[in-house]
Protein backbone atom coordinates (compact mmCIF):
# COMPACT_ATOMS: atom_id res chain seq x y z
CA MET A 1 0.01 0.00 0.01
CA ALA A 2 1.41 3.39 -0.96
CA THR A 3 2.33 5.75 1.86
CA LYS A 4 -0.22 8.40 0.88
CA GLY A 5 -2.96 5.80 0.52
CA HIS A 6 -1.90 4.16 3.75
CA ASN A 7 -2.19 7.47 5.63
CA GLU A 8 -5.62 8.07 4.11
CA VAL A 9 -6.77 4.62 5.25
CA LYS A 10 -5.49 5.26 8.77
CA GLU A 11 -7.18 8.67 9.01
CA SER A 12 -10.43 7.26 7.63
CA LEU A 13 -10.34 4.40 10.13
CA ARG A 14 -9.65 6.81 12.99
CA GLU A 15 -12.67 8.91 12.00
CA MET A 16 -14.92 5.87 11.68
CA THR A 17 -13.72 4.66 15.08
CA ARG A 18 -14.68 7.98 16.65
CA ILE A 19 -18.11 7.82 15.00
CA PHE A 20 -19.02 4.17 15.62
CA LYS A 21 -17.01 3.42 18.81
CA PRO A 22 -16.86 -0.33 18.06
CA LYS A 23 -17.00 -2.86 20.91
CA ASP A 24 -14.87 -5.38 19.01
CA PRO A 25 -11.93 -3.65 17.22
CA LYS A 26 -10.85 -6.87 15.48
CA LYS A 27 -14.26 -7.45 13.93
CA PHE A 28 -14.60 -3.76 13.04
CA VAL A 29 -11.27 -3.79 11.17
CA LYS A 30 -12.13 -7.07 9.42
CA GLU A 31 -15.38 -5.59 8.11
CA TYR A 32 -13.62 -2.33 7.15
CA VAL A 33 -10.91 -4.20 5.21
CA ARG A 34 -13.53 -6.29 3.40
CA LYS A 35 -15.84 -3.40 2.64
CA TYR A 36 -13.16 -1.02 1.35
CA ARG A 37 -11.04 -3.74 -0.25
CA ILE A 38 -7.87 -2.93 1.61
CA THR A 39 -4.85 -5.05 0.75
CA GLY A 40 -4.39 -7.97 3.12
CA GLY A 41 -1.74 -8.08 5.80
CA TYR A 42 -2.63 -4.79 7.49
CA GLU A 43 -5.33 -6.06 9.83
CA GLU A 44 -3.09 -6.30 12.86
CA GLU A 45 -1.70 -2.79 12.41
CA LEU A 46 -5.16 -1.31 11.80
CA THR A 47 -6.64 -3.18 14.79
CA HIS A 48 -3.93 -1.66 16.96
CA LEU A 49 -4.78 1.78 15.55
CA VAL A 50 -8.48 1.30 16.43
CA GLU A 51 -7.61 0.12 19.95
CA MET A 52 -5.40 3.20 20.49
CA GLU A 53 -8.11 5.53 19.23
CA LEU A 54 -10.69 3.89 21.52
CA ASP A 55 -8.27 4.32 24.48
CA LYS A 56 -7.95 8.00 23.62
CA LEU A 57 -11.73 8.37 23.51
CA ASP A 58 -12.11 6.57 26.84
CA SER A 59 -9.46 8.71 28.56
CA SER A 60 -10.98 11.96 27.26
CA VAL A 61 -14.39 11.02 28.65
CA SER A 62 -13.05 10.30 32.14
């Protein structure tokens, strides 16, 4: 995945995480990758990104 495209995917996923606040990050990423036809092999990295974003949201609410 190209760097520019990769950054766009990450930013899009961050925004969607803020909107939907998924309970299961792994399932959320799996559906995102399938729906937007993201190249395989990035699920673990994107799942970590979603988990970090959810942690940020949780800490800002407290």
